[in-house]
Amino acid sequence: RSGAAILGAITVALYTWGLLHLAGAVIG
């Protein structure tokens, strides 16, 4: 369960990193 949560956190971190790139593109 802990491993699933940590892997889920990594998944969300990667997705958030992509969202931040998109936010920069939308502003641009």
mmCIF file of all heavy atoms, coordinates in Angstrom:
data_MODEL
# 
_entry.id   MODEL 
# 
loop_
_atom_site.group_PDB 
_atom_site.id 
_atom_site.type_symbol 
_atom_site.label_atom_id 
_atom_site.label_alt_id 
_atom_site.label_comp_id 
_atom_site.label_asym_id 
_atom_site.label_entity_id 
_atom_site.label_seq_id 
_atom_site.pdbx_PDB_ins_code 
_atom_site.Cartn_x 
_atom_site.Cartn_y 
_atom_site.Cartn_z 
_atom_site.occupancy 
_atom_site.B_iso_or_equiv 
_atom_site.pdbx_formal_charge 
_atom_site.auth_seq_id 
_atom_site.auth_comp_id 
_atom_site.auth_asym_id 
_atom_site.auth_atom_id 
_atom_site.pdbx_PDB_model_num 
ATOM 1   N N   . ARG A 1 1  ? 0.833  -1.215 0.000   1.00 0.00 ? 1  ARG A N   1 
ATOM 2   C CA  . ARG A 1 1  ? 0.000  0.000  0.000   1.00 0.00 ? 1  ARG A CA  1 
ATOM 3   C C   . ARG A 1 1  ? 0.857  1.250  0.000   1.00 0.00 ? 1  ARG A C   1 
ATOM 4   O O   . ARG A 1 1  ? 0.575  2.208  -0.729  1.00 0.00 ? 1  ARG A O   1 
ATOM 5   C CB  . ARG A 1 1  ? -0.928 0.008  1.227   1.00 0.00 ? 1  ARG A CB  1 
ATOM 6   C CG  . ARG A 1 1  ? -2.167 -0.830 1.075   1.00 0.00 ? 1  ARG A CG  1 
ATOM 7   C CD  . ARG A 1 1  ? -3.209 -0.509 2.144   1.00 0.00 ? 1  ARG A CD  1 
ATOM 8   N NE  . ARG A 1 1  ? -2.696 -0.537 3.503   1.00 0.00 ? 1  ARG A NE  1 
ATOM 9   C CZ  . ARG A 1 1  ? -2.649 -1.616 4.275   1.00 0.00 ? 1  ARG A CZ  1 
ATOM 10  N NH1 . ARG A 1 1  ? -3.102 -2.768 3.817   1.00 0.00 ? 1  ARG A NH1 1 
ATOM 11  N NH2 . ARG A 1 1  ? -2.187 -1.554 5.498   1.00 0.00 ? 1  ARG A NH2 1 
ATOM 12  N N   . SER A 1 2  ? 1.902  1.244  0.807   1.00 0.00 ? 2  SER A N   1 
ATOM 13  C CA  . SER A 1 2  ? 2.800  2.406  0.854   1.00 0.00 ? 2  SER A CA  1 
ATOM 14  C C   . SER A 1 2  ? 3.511  2.586  -0.478  1.00 0.00 ? 2  SER A C   1 
ATOM 15  O O   . SER A 1 2  ? 3.657  3.711  -0.966  1.00 0.00 ? 2  SER A O   1 
ATOM 16  C CB  . SER A 1 2  ? 3.823  2.238  1.976   1.00 0.00 ? 2  SER A CB  1 
ATOM 17  O OG  . SER A 1 2  ? 3.172  2.214  3.220   1.00 0.00 ? 2  SER A OG  1 
ATOM 18  N N   . GLY A 1 3  ? 3.942  1.471  -1.058  1.00 0.00 ? 3  GLY A N   1 
ATOM 19  C CA  . GLY A 1 3  ? 4.582  1.545  -2.373  1.00 0.00 ? 3  GLY A CA  1 
ATOM 20  C C   . GLY A 1 3  ? 3.641  2.096  -3.425  1.00 0.00 ? 3  GLY A C   1 
ATOM 21  O O   . GLY A 1 3  ? 4.038  2.906  -4.272  1.00 0.00 ? 3  GLY A O   1 
ATOM 22  N N   . ALA A 1 4  ? 2.377  1.669  -3.384  1.00 0.00 ? 4  ALA A N   1 
ATOM 23  C CA  . ALA A 1 4  ? 1.382  2.179  -4.326  1.00 0.00 ? 4  ALA A CA  1 
ATOM 24  C C   . ALA A 1 4  ? 1.202  3.686  -4.154  1.00 0.00 ? 4  ALA A C   1 
ATOM 25  O O   . ALA A 1 4  ? 1.113  4.425  -5.135  1.00 0.00 ? 4  ALA A O   1 
ATOM 26  C CB  . ALA A 1 4  ? 0.057  1.456  -4.138  1.00 0.00 ? 4  ALA A CB  1 
ATOM 27  N N   . ALA A 1 5  ? 1.152  4.143  -2.917  1.00 0.00 ? 5  ALA A N   1 
ATOM 28  C CA  . ALA A 1 5  ? 0.990  5.580  -2.654  1.00 0.00 ? 5  ALA A CA  1 
ATOM 29  C C   . ALA A 1 5  ? 2.203  6.362  -3.146  1.00 0.00 ? 5  ALA A C   1 
ATOM 30  O O   . ALA A 1 5  ? 2.058  7.428  -3.761  1.00 0.00 ? 5  ALA A O   1 
ATOM 31  C CB  . ALA A 1 5  ? 0.766  5.826  -1.166  1.00 0.00 ? 5  ALA A CB  1 
ATOM 32  N N   . ILE A 1 6  ? 3.389  5.852  -2.901  1.00 0.00 ? 6  ILE A N   1 
ATOM 33  C CA  . ILE A 1 6  ? 4.605  6.547  -3.339  1.00 0.00 ? 6  ILE A CA  1 
ATOM 34  C C   . ILE A 1 6  ? 4.692  6.562  -4.863  1.00 0.00 ? 6  ILE A C   1 
ATOM 35  O O   . ILE A 1 6  ? 5.024  7.592  -5.467  1.00 0.00 ? 6  ILE A O   1 
ATOM 36  C CB  . ILE A 1 6  ? 5.851  5.911  -2.687  1.00 0.00 ? 6  ILE A CB  1 
ATOM 37  C CG1 . ILE A 1 6  ? 5.827  6.179  -1.179  1.00 0.00 ? 6  ILE A CG1 1 
ATOM 38  C CG2 . ILE A 1 6  ? 7.135  6.439  -3.314  1.00 0.00 ? 6  ILE A CG2 1 
ATOM 39  C CD1 . ILE A 1 6  ? 6.796  5.335  -0.374  1.00 0.00 ? 6  ILE A CD1 1 
ATOM 40  N N   . LEU A 1 7  ? 4.389  5.441  -5.504  1.00 0.00 ? 7  LEU A N   1 
ATOM 41  C CA  . LEU A 1 7  ? 4.374  5.405  -6.969  1.00 0.00 ? 7  LEU A CA  1 
ATOM 42  C C   . LEU A 1 7  ? 3.291  6.331  -7.524  1.00 0.00 ? 7  LEU A C   1 
ATOM 43  O O   . LEU A 1 7  ? 3.489  6.991  -8.553  1.00 0.00 ? 7  LEU A O   1 
ATOM 44  C CB  . LEU A 1 7  ? 4.166  3.982  -7.467  1.00 0.00 ? 7  LEU A CB  1 
ATOM 45  C CG  . LEU A 1 7  ? 5.347  3.038  -7.276  1.00 0.00 ? 7  LEU A CG  1 
ATOM 46  C CD1 . LEU A 1 7  ? 4.927  1.595  -7.526  1.00 0.00 ? 7  LEU A CD1 1 
ATOM 47  C CD2 . LEU A 1 7  ? 6.503  3.430  -8.180  1.00 0.00 ? 7  LEU A CD2 1 
ATOM 48  N N   . GLY A 1 8  ? 2.155  6.403  -6.845  1.00 0.00 ? 8  GLY A N   1 
ATOM 49  C CA  . GLY A 1 8  ? 1.111  7.346  -7.239  1.00 0.00 ? 8  GLY A CA  1 
ATOM 50  C C   . GLY A 1 8  ? 1.581  8.786  -7.117  1.00 0.00 ? 8  GLY A C   1 
ATOM 51  O O   . GLY A 1 8  ? 1.276  9.618  -7.980  1.00 0.00 ? 8  GLY A O   1 
ATOM 52  N N   . ALA A 1 9  ? 2.332  9.078  -6.059  1.00 0.00 ? 9  ALA A N   1 
ATOM 53  C CA  . ALA A 1 9  ? 2.871  10.431 -5.882  1.00 0.00 ? 9  ALA A CA  1 
ATOM 54  C C   . ALA A 1 9  ? 3.840  10.774 -7.012  1.00 0.00 ? 9  ALA A C   1 
ATOM 55  O O   . ALA A 1 9  ? 3.835  11.901 -7.520  1.00 0.00 ? 9  ALA A O   1 
ATOM 56  C CB  . ALA A 1 9  ? 3.562  10.547 -4.523  1.00 0.00 ? 9  ALA A CB  1 
ATOM 57  N N   . ILE A 1 10 ? 4.659  9.820  -7.419  1.00 0.00 ? 10 ILE A N   1 
ATOM 58  C CA  . ILE A 1 10 ? 5.581  10.061 -8.530  1.00 0.00 ? 10 ILE A CA  1 
ATOM 59  C C   . ILE A 1 10 ? 4.797  10.309 -9.817  1.00 0.00 ? 10 ILE A C   1 
ATOM 60  O O   . ILE A 1 10 ? 5.140  11.199 -10.608 1.00 0.00 ? 10 ILE A O   1 
ATOM 61  C CB  . ILE A 1 10 ? 6.564  8.884  -8.683  1.00 0.00 ? 10 ILE A CB  1 
ATOM 62  C CG1 . ILE A 1 10 ? 7.478  8.802  -7.463  1.00 0.00 ? 10 ILE A CG1 1 
ATOM 63  C CG2 . ILE A 1 10 ? 7.376  9.006  -9.965  1.00 0.00 ? 10 ILE A CG2 1 
ATOM 64  C CD1 . ILE A 1 10 ? 8.300  7.533  -7.390  1.00 0.00 ? 10 ILE A CD1 1 
ATOM 65  N N   . THR A 1 11 ? 3.725  9.549  -10.030 1.00 0.00 ? 11 THR A N   1 
ATOM 66  C CA  . THR A 1 11 ? 2.874  9.744  -11.202 1.00 0.00 ? 11 THR A CA  1 
ATOM 67  C C   . THR A 1 11 ? 2.297  11.147 -11.220 1.00 0.00 ? 11 THR A C   1 
ATOM 68  O O   . THR A 1 11 ? 2.340  11.847 -12.237 1.00 0.00 ? 11 THR A O   1 
ATOM 69  C CB  . THR A 1 11 ? 1.722  8.710  -11.211 1.00 0.00 ? 11 THR A CB  1 
ATOM 70  O OG1 . THR A 1 11 ? 2.283  7.402  -11.162 1.00 0.00 ? 11 THR A OG1 1 
ATOM 71  C CG2 . THR A 1 11 ? 0.845  8.861  -12.427 1.00 0.00 ? 11 THR A CG2 1 
ATOM 72  N N   . VAL A 1 12 ? 1.769  11.580 -10.078 1.00 0.00 ? 12 VAL A N   1 
ATOM 73  C CA  . VAL A 1 12 ? 1.177  12.914 -9.978  1.00 0.00 ? 12 VAL A CA  1 
ATOM 74  C C   . VAL A 1 12 ? 2.251  13.991 -10.161 1.00 0.00 ? 12 VAL A C   1 
ATOM 75  O O   . VAL A 1 12 ? 2.012  15.021 -10.800 1.00 0.00 ? 12 VAL A O   1 
ATOM 76  C CB  . VAL A 1 12 ? 0.425  13.091 -8.641  1.00 0.00 ? 12 VAL A CB  1 
ATOM 77  C CG1 . VAL A 1 12 ? -0.044 14.516 -8.446  1.00 0.00 ? 12 VAL A CG1 1 
ATOM 78  C CG2 . VAL A 1 12 ? -0.756 12.139 -8.579  1.00 0.00 ? 12 VAL A CG2 1 
ATOM 79  N N   . ALA A 1 13 ? 3.446  13.759 -9.629  1.00 0.00 ? 13 ALA A N   1 
ATOM 80  C CA  . ALA A 1 13 ? 4.533  14.731 -9.794  1.00 0.00 ? 13 ALA A CA  1 
ATOM 81  C C   . ALA A 1 13 ? 4.896  14.891 -11.269 1.00 0.00 ? 13 ALA A C   1 
ATOM 82  O O   . ALA A 1 13 ? 5.090  16.017 -11.751 1.00 0.00 ? 13 ALA A O   1 
ATOM 83  C CB  . ALA A 1 13 ? 5.754  14.296 -8.991  1.00 0.00 ? 13 ALA A CB  1 
ATOM 84  N N   . LEU A 1 14 ? 4.977  13.791 -11.991 1.00 0.00 ? 14 LEU A N   1 
ATOM 85  C CA  . LEU A 1 14 ? 5.281  13.862 -13.427 1.00 0.00 ? 14 LEU A CA  1 
ATOM 86  C C   . LEU A 1 14 ? 4.182  14.604 -14.185 1.00 0.00 ? 14 LEU A C   1 
ATOM 87  O O   . LEU A 1 14 ? 4.462  15.458 -15.033 1.00 0.00 ? 14 LEU A O   1 
ATOM 88  C CB  . LEU A 1 14 ? 5.462  12.460 -14.005 1.00 0.00 ? 14 LEU A CB  1 
ATOM 89  C CG  . LEU A 1 14 ? 6.761  11.762 -13.658 1.00 0.00 ? 14 LEU A CG  1 
ATOM 90  C CD1 . LEU A 1 14 ? 6.676  10.274 -13.956 1.00 0.00 ? 14 LEU A CD1 1 
ATOM 91  C CD2 . LEU A 1 14 ? 7.916  12.391 -14.425 1.00 0.00 ? 14 LEU A CD2 1 
ATOM 92  N N   . TYR A 1 15 ? 2.941  14.291 -13.875 1.00 0.00 ? 15 TYR A N   1 
ATOM 93  C CA  . TYR A 1 15 ? 1.815  14.951 -14.541 1.00 0.00 ? 15 TYR A CA  1 
ATOM 94  C C   . TYR A 1 15 ? 1.818  16.457 -14.230 1.00 0.00 ? 15 TYR A C   1 
ATOM 95  O O   . TYR A 1 15 ? 1.592  17.276 -15.114 1.00 0.00 ? 15 TYR A O   1 
ATOM 96  C CB  . TYR A 1 15 ? 0.505  14.306 -14.101 1.00 0.00 ? 15 TYR A CB  1 
ATOM 97  C CG  . TYR A 1 15 ? -0.675 14.682 -14.964 1.00 0.00 ? 15 TYR A CG  1 
ATOM 98  C CD1 . TYR A 1 15 ? -0.885 14.055 -16.179 1.00 0.00 ? 15 TYR A CD1 1 
ATOM 99  C CD2 . TYR A 1 15 ? -1.574 15.659 -14.557 1.00 0.00 ? 15 TYR A CD2 1 
ATOM 100 C CE1 . TYR A 1 15 ? -1.969 14.403 -16.980 1.00 0.00 ? 15 TYR A CE1 1 
ATOM 101 C CE2 . TYR A 1 15 ? -2.650 16.008 -15.347 1.00 0.00 ? 15 TYR A CE2 1 
ATOM 102 C CZ  . TYR A 1 15 ? -2.844 15.379 -16.561 1.00 0.00 ? 15 TYR A CZ  1 
ATOM 103 O OH  . TYR A 1 15 ? -3.918 15.727 -17.345 1.00 0.00 ? 15 TYR A OH  1 
ATOM 104 N N   . THR A 1 16 ? 2.107  16.806 -12.996 1.00 0.00 ? 16 THR A N   1 
ATOM 105 C CA  . THR A 1 16 ? 2.172  18.215 -12.605 1.00 0.00 ? 16 THR A CA  1 
ATOM 106 C C   . THR A 1 16 ? 3.286  18.929 -13.345 1.00 0.00 ? 16 THR A C   1 
ATOM 107 O O   . THR A 1 16 ? 3.123  20.081 -13.772 1.00 0.00 ? 16 THR A O   1 
ATOM 108 C CB  . THR A 1 16 ? 2.367  18.343 -11.083 1.00 0.00 ? 16 THR A CB  1 
ATOM 109 O OG1 . THR A 1 16 ? 1.325  17.622 -10.421 1.00 0.00 ? 16 THR A OG1 1 
ATOM 110 C CG2 . THR A 1 16 ? 2.347  19.791 -10.631 1.00 0.00 ? 16 THR A CG2 1 
ATOM 111 N N   . TRP A 1 17 ? 4.421  18.262 -13.516 1.00 0.00 ? 17 TRP A N   1 
ATOM 112 C CA  . TRP A 1 17 ? 5.539  18.852 -14.264 1.00 0.00 ? 17 TRP A CA  1 
ATOM 113 C C   . TRP A 1 17 ? 5.091  19.149 -15.697 1.00 0.00 ? 17 TRP A C   1 
ATOM 114 O O   . TRP A 1 17 ? 5.388  20.204 -16.250 1.00 0.00 ? 17 TRP A O   1 
ATOM 115 C CB  . TRP A 1 17 ? 6.733  17.909 -14.227 1.00 0.00 ? 17 TRP A CB  1 
ATOM 116 C CG  . TRP A 1 17 ? 7.963  18.428 -14.883 1.00 0.00 ? 17 TRP A CG  1 
ATOM 117 C CD1 . TRP A 1 17 ? 8.619  17.853 -15.933 1.00 0.00 ? 17 TRP A CD1 1 
ATOM 118 C CD2 . TRP A 1 17 ? 8.712  19.602 -14.554 1.00 0.00 ? 17 TRP A CD2 1 
ATOM 119 N NE1 . TRP A 1 17 ? 9.718  18.604 -16.270 1.00 0.00 ? 17 TRP A NE1 1 
ATOM 120 C CE2 . TRP A 1 17 ? 9.795  19.683 -15.437 1.00 0.00 ? 17 TRP A CE2 1 
ATOM 121 C CE3 . TRP A 1 17 ? 8.548  20.589 -13.594 1.00 0.00 ? 17 TRP A CE3 1 
ATOM 122 C CZ2 . TRP A 1 17 ? 10.718 20.715 -15.403 1.00 0.00 ? 17 TRP A CZ2 1 
ATOM 123 C CZ3 . TRP A 1 17 ? 9.475  21.630 -13.555 1.00 0.00 ? 17 TRP A CZ3 1 
ATOM 124 C CH2 . TRP A 1 17 ? 10.543 21.678 -14.444 1.00 0.00 ? 17 TRP A CH2 1 
ATOM 125 N N   . GLY A 1 18 ? 4.348  18.235 -16.301 1.00 0.00 ? 18 GLY A N   1 
ATOM 126 C CA  . GLY A 1 18 ? 3.807  18.466 -17.634 1.00 0.00 ? 18 GLY A CA  1 
ATOM 127 C C   . GLY A 1 18 ? 2.803  19.604 -17.650 1.00 0.00 ? 18 GLY A C   1 
ATOM 128 O O   . GLY A 1 18 ? 2.789  20.424 -18.576 1.00 0.00 ? 18 GLY A O   1 
ATOM 129 N N   . LEU A 1 19 ? 1.955  19.681 -16.617 1.00 0.00 ? 19 LEU A N   1 
ATOM 130 C CA  . LEU A 1 19 ? 0.989  20.784 -16.522 1.00 0.00 ? 19 LEU A CA  1 
ATOM 131 C C   . LEU A 1 19 ? 1.687  22.134 -16.424 1.00 0.00 ? 19 LEU A C   1 
ATOM 132 O O   . LEU A 1 19 ? 1.224  23.127 -16.997 1.00 0.00 ? 19 LEU A O   1 
ATOM 133 C CB  . LEU A 1 19 ? 0.074  20.591 -15.312 1.00 0.00 ? 19 LEU A CB  1 
ATOM 134 C CG  . LEU A 1 19 ? -1.000 19.523 -15.403 1.00 0.00 ? 19 LEU A CG  1 
ATOM 135 C CD1 . LEU A 1 19 ? -1.720 19.387 -14.061 1.00 0.00 ? 19 LEU A CD1 1 
ATOM 136 C CD2 . LEU A 1 19 ? -1.993 19.826 -16.512 1.00 0.00 ? 19 LEU A CD2 1 
ATOM 137 N N   . LEU A 1 20 ? 2.806  22.178 -15.713 1.00 0.00 ? 20 LEU A N   1 
ATOM 138 C CA  . LEU A 1 20 ? 3.543  23.435 -15.607 1.00 0.00 ? 20 LEU A CA  1 
ATOM 139 C C   . LEU A 1 20 ? 4.115  23.854 -16.962 1.00 0.00 ? 20 LEU A C   1 
ATOM 140 O O   . LEU A 1 20 ? 4.124  25.047 -17.295 1.00 0.00 ? 20 LEU A O   1 
ATOM 141 C CB  . LEU A 1 20 ? 4.654  23.313 -14.560 1.00 0.00 ? 20 LEU A CB  1 
ATOM 142 C CG  . LEU A 1 20 ? 4.160  23.214 -13.115 1.00 0.00 ? 20 LEU A CG  1 
ATOM 143 C CD1 . LEU A 1 20 ? 5.314  22.882 -12.175 1.00 0.00 ? 20 LEU A CD1 1 
ATOM 144 C CD2 . LEU A 1 20 ? 3.480  24.507 -12.689 1.00 0.00 ? 20 LEU A CD2 1 
ATOM 145 N N   . HIS A 1 21 ? 4.567  22.898 -17.752 1.00 0.00 ? 21 HIS A N   1 
ATOM 146 C CA  . HIS A 1 21 ? 5.020  23.215 -19.107 1.00 0.00 ? 21 HIS A CA  1 
ATOM 147 C C   . HIS A 1 21 ? 3.857  23.754 -19.943 1.00 0.00 ? 21 HIS A C   1 
ATOM 148 O O   . HIS A 1 21 ? 4.018  24.725 -20.692 1.00 0.00 ? 21 HIS A O   1 
ATOM 149 C CB  . HIS A 1 21 ? 5.610  21.971 -19.784 1.00 0.00 ? 21 HIS A CB  1 
ATOM 150 C CG  . HIS A 1 21 ? 7.000  21.659 -19.363 1.00 0.00 ? 21 HIS A CG  1 
ATOM 151 N ND1 . HIS A 1 21 ? 7.289  20.947 -18.235 1.00 0.00 ? 21 HIS A ND1 1 
ATOM 152 C CD2 . HIS A 1 21 ? 8.190  21.967 -19.927 1.00 0.00 ? 21 HIS A CD2 1 
ATOM 153 C CE1 . HIS A 1 21 ? 8.596  20.833 -18.120 1.00 0.00 ? 21 HIS A CE1 1 
ATOM 154 N NE2 . HIS A 1 21 ? 9.168  21.442 -19.133 1.00 0.00 ? 21 HIS A NE2 1 
ATOM 155 N N   . LEU A 1 22 ? 2.694  23.125 -19.805 1.00 0.00 ? 22 LEU A N   1 
ATOM 156 C CA  . LEU A 1 22 ? 1.517  23.584 -20.543 1.00 0.00 ? 22 LEU A CA  1 
ATOM 157 C C   . LEU A 1 22 ? 1.090  24.981 -20.100 1.00 0.00 ? 22 LEU A C   1 
ATOM 158 O O   . LEU A 1 22 ? 0.678  25.791 -20.922 1.00 0.00 ? 22 LEU A O   1 
ATOM 159 C CB  . LEU A 1 22 ? 0.356  22.613 -20.351 1.00 0.00 ? 22 LEU A CB  1 
ATOM 160 C CG  . LEU A 1 22 ? 0.426  21.330 -21.155 1.00 0.00 ? 22 LEU A CG  1 
ATOM 161 C CD1 . LEU A 1 22 ? -0.756 20.439 -20.814 1.00 0.00 ? 22 LEU A CD1 1 
ATOM 162 C CD2 . LEU A 1 22 ? 0.463  21.606 -22.632 1.00 0.00 ? 22 LEU A CD2 1 
ATOM 163 N N   . ALA A 1 23 ? 1.171  25.254 -18.813 1.00 0.00 ? 23 ALA A N   1 
ATOM 164 C CA  . ALA A 1 23 ? 0.801  26.583 -18.313 1.00 0.00 ? 23 ALA A CA  1 
ATOM 165 C C   . ALA A 1 23 ? 1.681  27.650 -18.959 1.00 0.00 ? 23 ALA A C   1 
ATOM 166 O O   . ALA A 1 23 ? 1.194  28.714 -19.355 1.00 0.00 ? 23 ALA A O   1 
ATOM 167 C CB  . ALA A 1 23 ? 0.914  26.628 -16.797 1.00 0.00 ? 23 ALA A CB  1 
ATOM 168 N N   . GLY A 1 24 ? 2.969  27.361 -19.079 1.00 0.00 ? 24 GLY A N   1 
ATOM 169 C CA  . GLY A 1 24 ? 3.866  28.296 -19.749 1.00 0.00 ? 24 GLY A CA  1 
ATOM 170 C C   . GLY A 1 24 ? 3.490  28.491 -21.209 1.00 0.00 ? 24 GLY A C   1 
ATOM 171 O O   . GLY A 1 24 ? 3.543  29.604 -21.736 1.00 0.00 ? 24 GLY A O   1 
ATOM 172 N N   . ALA A 1 25 ? 3.078  27.416 -21.880 1.00 0.00 ? 25 ALA A N   1 
ATOM 173 C CA  . ALA A 1 25 ? 2.673  27.508 -23.284 1.00 0.00 ? 25 ALA A CA  1 
ATOM 174 C C   . ALA A 1 25 ? 1.383  28.300 -23.433 1.00 0.00 ? 25 ALA A C   1 
ATOM 175 O O   . ALA A 1 25 ? 1.236  29.089 -24.369 1.00 0.00 ? 25 ALA A O   1 
ATOM 176 C CB  . ALA A 1 25 ? 2.504  26.118 -23.872 1.00 0.00 ? 25 ALA A CB  1 
ATOM 177 N N   . VAL A 1 26 ? 0.439  28.087 -22.525 1.00 0.00 ? 26 VAL A N   1 
ATOM 178 C CA  . VAL A 1 26 ? -0.833 28.812 -22.593 1.00 0.00 ? 26 VAL A CA  1 
ATOM 179 C C   . VAL A 1 26 ? -0.597 30.298 -22.373 1.00 0.00 ? 26 VAL A C   1 
ATOM 180 O O   . VAL A 1 26 ? -1.162 31.138 -23.074 1.00 0.00 ? 26 VAL A O   1 
ATOM 181 C CB  . VAL A 1 26 ? -1.839 28.241 -21.571 1.00 0.00 ? 26 VAL A CB  1 
ATOM 182 C CG1 . VAL A 1 26 ? -3.054 29.139 -21.419 1.00 0.00 ? 26 VAL A CG1 1 
ATOM 183 C CG2 . VAL A 1 26 ? -2.248 26.837 -21.982 1.00 0.00 ? 26 VAL A CG2 1 
ATOM 184 N N   . ILE A 1 27 ? 0.258  30.626 -21.429 1.00 0.00 ? 27 ILE A N   1 
ATOM 185 C CA  . ILE A 1 27 ? 0.576  32.038 -21.192 1.00 0.00 ? 27 ILE A CA  1 
ATOM 186 C C   . ILE A 1 27 ? 1.243  32.630 -22.425 1.00 0.00 ? 27 ILE A C   1 
ATOM 187 O O   . ILE A 1 27 ? 0.961  33.751 -22.826 1.00 0.00 ? 27 ILE A O   1 
ATOM 188 C CB  . ILE A 1 27 ? 1.468  32.188 -19.941 1.00 0.00 ? 27 ILE A CB  1 
ATOM 189 C CG1 . ILE A 1 27 ? 0.657  31.856 -18.695 1.00 0.00 ? 27 ILE A CG1 1 
ATOM 190 C CG2 . ILE A 1 27 ? 2.055  33.592 -19.861 1.00 0.00 ? 27 ILE A CG2 1 
ATOM 191 C CD1 . ILE A 1 27 ? 1.489  31.707 -17.436 1.00 0.00 ? 27 ILE A CD1 1 
ATOM 192 N N   . GLY A 1 28 ? 2.116  31.835 -23.062 1.00 0.00 ? 28 GLY A N   1 
ATOM 193 C CA  . GLY A 1 28 ? 2.798  32.310 -24.267 1.00 0.00 ? 28 GLY A CA  1 
ATOM 194 C C   . GLY A 1 28 ? 1.924  32.321 -25.498 1.00 0.00 ? 28 GLY A C   1 
ATOM 195 O O   . GLY A 1 28 ? 2.280  32.902 -26.512 1.00 0.00 ? 28 GLY A O   1 
# 
